[in-house]
Amino acid sequence: MTATLLIRLRDWAVDTFTCESEFEAAGAMADATRWGWLPALSGVSAGADHARSEHVGKVSGRN
């Protein structure tokens, strides 16, 4: 039973994390590069908002 479970787990992992064709692989790479920048952009956006609010606070004398 343990061997069968490990074989099924290996087969599932191979099916899940490999691509059938070069076109599928190219599509997966395009999706990764298309959406991979979003976390970095959201961090820049949050940092810009924070910097803007800090600047306004210091200019107005609140800080």
PDB file of N, CA and C in Angstrom:
ATOM      1  N   MET A   1       0.826  -1.191   0.000  1.00  0.00           N
ATOM      2  CA  MET A   1       0.000   0.000   0.000  1.00  0.00           C
ATOM      3  C   MET A   1       0.868   1.253   0.000  1.00  0.00           C
ATOM      4  N   THR A   2       1.938   1.284   0.775  1.00  0.00           N
ATOM      5  CA  THR A   2       2.794   2.465   0.845  1.00  0.00           C
ATOM      6  C   THR A   2       3.448   2.741  -0.502  1.00  0.00           C
ATOM      7  N   ALA A   3       3.907   1.692  -1.163  1.00  0.00           N
ATOM      8  CA  ALA A   3       4.535   1.864  -2.475  1.00  0.00           C
ATOM      9  C   ALA A   3       3.530   2.413  -3.477  1.00  0.00           C
ATOM     10  N   THR A   4       2.320   1.919  -3.451  1.00  0.00           N
ATOM     11  CA  THR A   4       1.281   2.387  -4.361  1.00  0.00           C
ATOM     12  C   THR A   4       0.956   3.854  -4.094  1.00  0.00           C
ATOM     13  N   LEU A   5       0.883   4.218  -2.844  1.00  0.00           N
ATOM     14  CA  LEU A   5       0.600   5.605  -2.486  1.00  0.00           C
ATOM     15  C   LEU A   5       1.713   6.533  -2.975  1.00  0.00           C
ATOM     16  N   LEU A   6       2.965   6.105  -2.776  1.00  0.00           N
ATOM     17  CA  LEU A   6       4.091   6.921  -3.224  1.00  0.00           C
ATOM     18  C   LEU A   6       4.122   7.040  -4.748  1.00  0.00           C
ATOM     19  N   ILE A   7       3.802   5.973  -5.450  1.00  0.00           N
ATOM     20  CA  ILE A   7       3.757   6.023  -6.915  1.00  0.00           C
ATOM     21  C   ILE A   7       2.647   6.954  -7.385  1.00  0.00           C
ATOM     22  N   ARG A   8       1.487   6.864  -6.740  1.00  0.00           N
ATOM     23  CA  ARG A   8       0.378   7.760  -7.106  1.00  0.00           C
ATOM     24  C   ARG A   8       0.727   9.213  -6.818  1.00  0.00           C
ATOM     25  N   LEU A   9       1.397   9.465  -5.703  1.00  0.00           N
ATOM     26  CA  LEU A   9       1.817  10.822  -5.362  1.00  0.00           C
ATOM     27  C   LEU A   9       2.829  11.344  -6.377  1.00  0.00           C
ATOM     28  N   ARG A  10       3.787  10.504  -6.750  1.00  0.00           N
ATOM     29  CA  ARG A  10       4.776  10.902  -7.758  1.00  0.00           C
ATOM     30  C   ARG A  10       4.103  11.191  -9.099  1.00  0.00           C
ATOM     31  N   ASP A  11       3.193  10.324  -9.520  1.00  0.00           N
ATOM     32  CA  ASP A  11       2.492  10.542 -10.790  1.00  0.00           C
ATOM     33  C   ASP A  11       1.673  11.824 -10.768  1.00  0.00           C
ATOM     34  N   TRP A  12       1.030  12.105  -9.627  1.00  0.00           N
ATOM     35  CA  TRP A  12       0.262  13.355  -9.510  1.00  0.00           C
ATOM     36  C   TRP A  12       1.180  14.570  -9.618  1.00  0.00           C
ATOM     37  N   ALA A  13       2.330  14.517  -8.938  1.00  0.00           N
ATOM     38  CA  ALA A  13       3.259  15.644  -8.975  1.00  0.00           C
ATOM     39  C   ALA A  13       3.800  15.866 -10.388  1.00  0.00           C
ATOM     40  N   VAL A  14       4.128  14.795 -11.063  1.00  0.00           N
ATOM     41  CA  VAL A  14       4.628  14.919 -12.439  1.00  0.00           C
ATOM     42  C   VAL A  14       3.551  15.503 -13.339  1.00  0.00           C
ATOM     43  N   ASP A  15       2.325  15.033 -13.220  1.00  0.00           N
ATOM     44  CA  ASP A  15       1.227  15.564 -14.039  1.00  0.00           C
ATOM     45  C   ASP A  15       0.925  17.017 -13.723  1.00  0.00           C
ATOM     46  N   THR A  16       1.057  17.391 -12.465  1.00  0.00           N
ATOM     47  CA  THR A  16       0.718  18.745 -12.049  1.00  0.00           C
ATOM     48  C   THR A  16       1.785  19.749 -12.431  1.00  0.00           C
ATOM     49  N   PHE A  17       3.043  19.387 -12.301  1.00  0.00           N
ATOM     50  CA  PHE A  17       4.118  20.357 -12.446  1.00  0.00           C
ATOM     51  C   PHE A  17       4.923  20.237 -13.735  1.00  0.00           C
ATOM     52  N   THR A  18       4.442  19.495 -14.693  1.00  0.00           N
ATOM     53  CA  THR A  18       5.109  19.421 -15.993  1.00  0.00           C
ATOM     54  C   THR A  18       4.117  19.796 -17.085  1.00  0.00           C
ATOM     55  N   CYS A  19       4.635  20.216 -18.209  1.00  0.00           N
ATOM     56  CA  CYS A  19       3.802  20.630 -19.341  1.00  0.00           C
ATOM     57  C   CYS A  19       3.853  19.561 -20.426  1.00  0.00           C
ATOM     58  N   GLU A  20       2.760  19.426 -21.132  1.00  0.00           N
ATOM     59  CA  GLU A  20       2.661  18.408 -22.172  1.00  0.00           C
ATOM     60  C   GLU A  20       3.410  18.801 -23.445  1.00  0.00           C
ATOM     61  N   SER A  21       3.411  20.074 -23.792  1.00  0.00           N
ATOM     62  CA  SER A  21       4.033  20.504 -25.045  1.00  0.00           C
ATOM     63  C   SER A  21       4.806  21.796 -24.826  1.00  0.00           C
ATOM     64  N   GLU A  22       5.585  22.161 -25.838  1.00  0.00           N
ATOM     65  CA  GLU A  22       6.330  23.414 -25.723  1.00  0.00           C
ATOM     66  C   GLU A  22       5.400  24.620 -25.735  1.00  0.00           C
ATOM     67  N   PHE A  23       4.239  24.495 -26.367  1.00  0.00           N
ATOM     68  CA  PHE A  23       3.277  25.602 -26.377  1.00  0.00           C
ATOM     69  C   PHE A  23       2.669  25.808 -24.989  1.00  0.00           C
ATOM     70  N   GLU A  24       2.375  24.701 -24.310  1.00  0.00           N
ATOM     71  CA  GLU A  24       1.858  24.780 -22.942  1.00  0.00           C
ATOM     72  C   GLU A  24       2.913  25.361 -22.008  1.00  0.00           C
ATOM     73  N   ALA A  25       4.167  24.945 -22.197  1.00  0.00           N
ATOM     74  CA  ALA A  25       5.260  25.474 -21.375  1.00  0.00           C
ATOM     75  C   ALA A  25       5.456  26.961 -21.628  1.00  0.00           C
ATOM     76  N   ALA A  26       5.353  27.382 -22.884  1.00  0.00           N
ATOM     77  CA  ALA A  26       5.495  28.807 -23.211  1.00  0.00           C
ATOM     78  C   ALA A  26       4.359  29.616 -22.597  1.00  0.00           C
ATOM     79  N   GLY A  27       3.157  29.067 -22.618  1.00  0.00           N
ATOM     80  CA  GLY A  27       2.026  29.752 -21.999  1.00  0.00           C
ATOM     81  C   GLY A  27       2.189  29.879 -20.492  1.00  0.00           C
ATOM     82  N   ALA A  28       2.699  28.830 -19.858  1.00  0.00           N
ATOM     83  CA  ALA A  28       2.927  28.875 -18.411  1.00  0.00           C
ATOM     84  C   ALA A  28       3.996  29.906 -18.071  1.00  0.00           C
ATOM     85  N   MET A  29       5.048  29.980 -18.879  1.00  0.00           N
ATOM     86  CA  MET A  29       6.106  30.963 -18.638  1.00  0.00           C
ATOM     87  C   MET A  29       5.586  32.384 -18.862  1.00  0.00           C
ATOM     88  N   ALA A  30       4.743  32.559 -19.864  1.00  0.00           N
ATOM     89  CA  ALA A  30       4.165  33.881 -20.111  1.00  0.00           C
ATOM     90  C   ALA A  30       3.286  34.310 -18.935  1.00  0.00           C
ATOM     91  N   ASP A  31       2.495  33.391 -18.397  1.00  0.00           N
ATOM     92  CA  ASP A  31       1.664  33.719 -17.237  1.00  0.00           C
ATOM     93  C   ASP A  31       2.520  34.074 -16.032  1.00  0.00           C
ATOM     94  N   ALA A  32       3.605  33.329 -15.822  1.00  0.00           N
ATOM     95  CA  ALA A  32       4.482  33.599 -14.672  1.00  0.00           C
ATOM     96  C   ALA A  32       5.122  34.971 -14.796  1.00  0.00           C
ATOM     97  N   THR A  33       5.554  35.342 -15.988  1.00  0.00           N
ATOM     98  CA  THR A  33       6.184  36.655 -16.150  1.00  0.00           C
ATOM     99  C   THR A  33       5.149  37.763 -16.191  1.00  0.00           C
ATOM    100  N   ARG A  34       3.947  37.454 -16.660  1.00  0.00           N
ATOM    101  CA  ARG A  34       2.895  38.467 -16.736  1.00  0.00           C
ATOM    102  C   ARG A  34       2.409  38.864 -15.349  1.00  0.00           C
ATOM    103  N   TRP A  35       2.247  37.897 -14.468  1.00  0.00           N
ATOM    104  CA  TRP A  35       1.668  38.187 -13.151  1.00  0.00           C
ATOM    105  C   TRP A  35       2.705  38.214 -12.035  1.00  0.00           C
ATOM    106  N   GLY A  36       3.933  37.857 -12.299  1.00  0.00           N
ATOM    107  CA  GLY A  36       4.951  37.792 -11.268  1.00  0.00           C
ATOM    108  C   GLY A  36       5.354  39.140 -10.704  1.00  0.00           C
ATOM    109  N   TRP A  37       5.120  40.213 -11.431  1.00  0.00           N
ATOM    110  CA  TRP A  37       5.531  41.542 -10.979  1.00  0.00           C
ATOM    111  C   TRP A  37       4.507  42.184 -10.047  1.00  0.00           C
ATOM    112  N   LEU A  38       3.325  41.623  -9.920  1.00  0.00           N
ATOM    113  CA  LEU A  38       2.272  42.250  -9.112  1.00  0.00           C
ATOM    114  C   LEU A  38       2.643  42.458  -7.647  1.00  0.00           C
ATOM    115  N   PRO A  39       3.219  41.480  -6.945  1.00  0.00           N
ATOM    116  CA  PRO A  39       3.583  41.746  -5.542  1.00  0.00           C
ATOM    117  C   PRO A  39       4.573  42.890  -5.396  1.00  0.00           C
ATOM    118  N   ALA A  40       5.547  42.963  -6.289  1.00  0.00           N
ATOM    119  CA  ALA A  40       6.523  44.052  -6.216  1.00  0.00           C
ATOM    120  C   ALA A  40       5.850  45.393  -6.476  1.00  0.00           C
ATOM    121  N   LEU A  41       4.957  45.430  -7.431  1.00  0.00           N
ATOM    122  CA  LEU A  41       4.266  46.679  -7.742  1.00  0.00           C
ATOM    123  C   LEU A  41       3.385  47.121  -6.585  1.00  0.00           C
ATOM    124  N   SER A  42       2.716  46.188  -5.929  1.00  0.00           N
ATOM    125  CA  SER A  42       1.866  46.577  -4.809  1.00  0.00           C
ATOM    126  C   SER A  42       2.709  47.117  -3.659  1.00  0.00           C
ATOM    127  N   GLY A  43       3.923  46.569  -3.466  1.00  0.00           N
ATOM    128  CA  GLY A  43       4.806  47.092  -2.434  1.00  0.00           C
ATOM    129  C   GLY A  43       5.275  48.493  -2.752  1.00  0.00           C
ATOM    130  N   VAL A  44       5.561  48.760  -4.014  1.00  0.00           N
ATOM    131  CA  VAL A  44       5.963  50.100  -4.431  1.00  0.00           C
ATOM    132  C   VAL A  44       4.812  51.069  -4.235  1.00  0.00           C
ATOM    133  N   SER A  45       3.621  50.632  -4.570  1.00  0.00           N
ATOM    134  CA  SER A  45       2.449  51.482  -4.415  1.00  0.00           C
ATOM    135  C   SER A  45       2.199  51.813  -2.942  1.00  0.00           C
ATOM    136  N   ALA A  46       2.307  50.807  -2.080  1.00  0.00           N
ATOM    137  CA  ALA A  46       2.098  51.050  -0.649  1.00  0.00           C
ATOM    138  C   ALA A  46       3.191  51.956  -0.094  1.00  0.00           C
ATOM    139  N   GLY A  47       4.418  51.758  -0.544  1.00  0.00           N
ATOM    140  CA  GLY A  47       5.522  52.609  -0.100  1.00  0.00           C
ATOM    141  C   GLY A  47       5.343  54.046  -0.551  1.00  0.00           C
ATOM    142  N   ALA A  48       4.853  54.229  -1.773  1.00  0.00           N
ATOM    143  CA  ALA A  48       4.628  55.582  -2.281  1.00  0.00           C
ATOM    144  C   ALA A  48       3.532  56.284  -1.481  1.00  0.00           C
ATOM    145  N   ASP A  49       2.459  55.569  -1.166  1.00  0.00           N
ATOM    146  CA  ASP A  49       1.386  56.154  -0.356  1.00  0.00           C
ATOM    147  C   ASP A  49       1.891  56.533   1.033  1.00  0.00           C
ATOM    148  N   HIS A  50       2.702  55.678   1.624  1.00  0.00           N
ATOM    149  CA  HIS A  50       3.243  55.951   2.952  1.00  0.00           C
ATOM    150  C   HIS A  50       4.169  57.176   2.905  1.00  0.00           C
ATOM    151  N   ALA A  51       5.033  57.213   1.898  1.00  0.00           N
ATOM    152  CA  ALA A  51       5.955  58.349   1.774  1.00  0.00           C
ATOM    153  C   ALA A  51       5.187  59.653   1.547  1.00  0.00           C
ATOM    154  N   ARG A  52       4.152  59.589   0.732  1.00  0.00           N
ATOM    155  CA  ARG A  52       3.347  60.779   0.464  1.00  0.00           C
ATOM    156  C   ARG A  52       2.673  61.278   1.745  1.00  0.00           C
ATOM    157  N   SER A  53       2.101  60.371   2.528  1.00  0.00           N
ATOM    158  CA  SER A  53       1.429  60.784   3.759  1.00  0.00           C
ATOM    159  C   SER A  53       2.426  61.315   4.790  1.00  0.00           C
ATOM    160  N   GLU A  54       3.612  60.717   4.868  1.00  0.00           N
ATOM    161  CA  GLU A  54       4.642  61.221   5.783  1.00  0.00           C
ATOM    162  C   GLU A  54       5.103  62.616   5.369  1.00  0.00           C
ATOM    163  N   HIS A  55       5.253  62.832   4.094  1.00  0.00           N
ATOM    164  CA  HIS A  55       5.690  64.139   3.603  1.00  0.00           C
ATOM    165  C   HIS A  55       4.647  65.215   3.911  1.00  0.00           C
ATOM    166  N   VAL A  56       3.386  64.875   3.660  1.00  0.00           N
ATOM    167  CA  VAL A  56       2.313  65.832   3.950  1.00  0.00           C
ATOM    168  C   VAL A  56       2.286  66.147   5.436  1.00  0.00           C
ATOM    169  N   GLY A  57       2.485  65.122   6.269  1.00  0.00           N
ATOM    170  CA  GLY A  57       2.483  65.339   7.723  1.00  0.00           C
ATOM    171  C   GLY A  57       3.614  66.231   8.182  1.00  0.00           C
ATOM    172  N   LYS A  58       4.794  66.057   7.604  1.00  0.00           N
ATOM    173  CA  LYS A  58       5.929  66.876   7.997  1.00  0.00           C
ATOM    174  C   LYS A  58       5.808  68.300   7.476  1.00  0.00           C
ATOM    175  N   VAL A  59       5.278  68.469   6.289  1.00  0.00           N
ATOM    176  CA  VAL A  59       5.122  69.804   5.715  1.00  0.00           C
ATOM    177  C   VAL A  59       4.084  70.603   6.501  1.00  0.00           C
ATOM    178  N   SER A  60       3.015  69.938   6.905  1.00  0.00           N
ATOM    179  CA  SER A  60       1.957  70.639   7.635  1.00  0.00           C
ATOM    180  C   SER A  60       2.287  70.811   9.124  1.00  0.00           C
ATOM    181  N   GLY A  61       3.368  70.184   9.595  1.00  0.00           N
ATOM    182  CA  GLY A  61       3.786  70.339  10.985  1.00  0.00           C
ATOM    183  C   GLY A  61       3.090  69.396  11.941  1.00  0.00           C
ATOM    184  N   ARG A  62       2.376  68.419  11.442  1.00  0.00           N
ATOM    185  CA  ARG A  62       1.705  67.464  12.323  1.00  0.00           C
ATOM    186  C   ARG A  62       2.679  66.480  12.933  1.00  0.00           C
ATOM    187  N   ASN A  63       3.789  66.223  12.310  1.00  0.00           N
ATOM    188  CA  ASN A  63       4.712  65.205  12.784  1.00  0.00           C
ATOM    189  C   ASN A  63       5.844  65.783  13.520  1.00  0.00           C
TER     190      ASN A  63
END
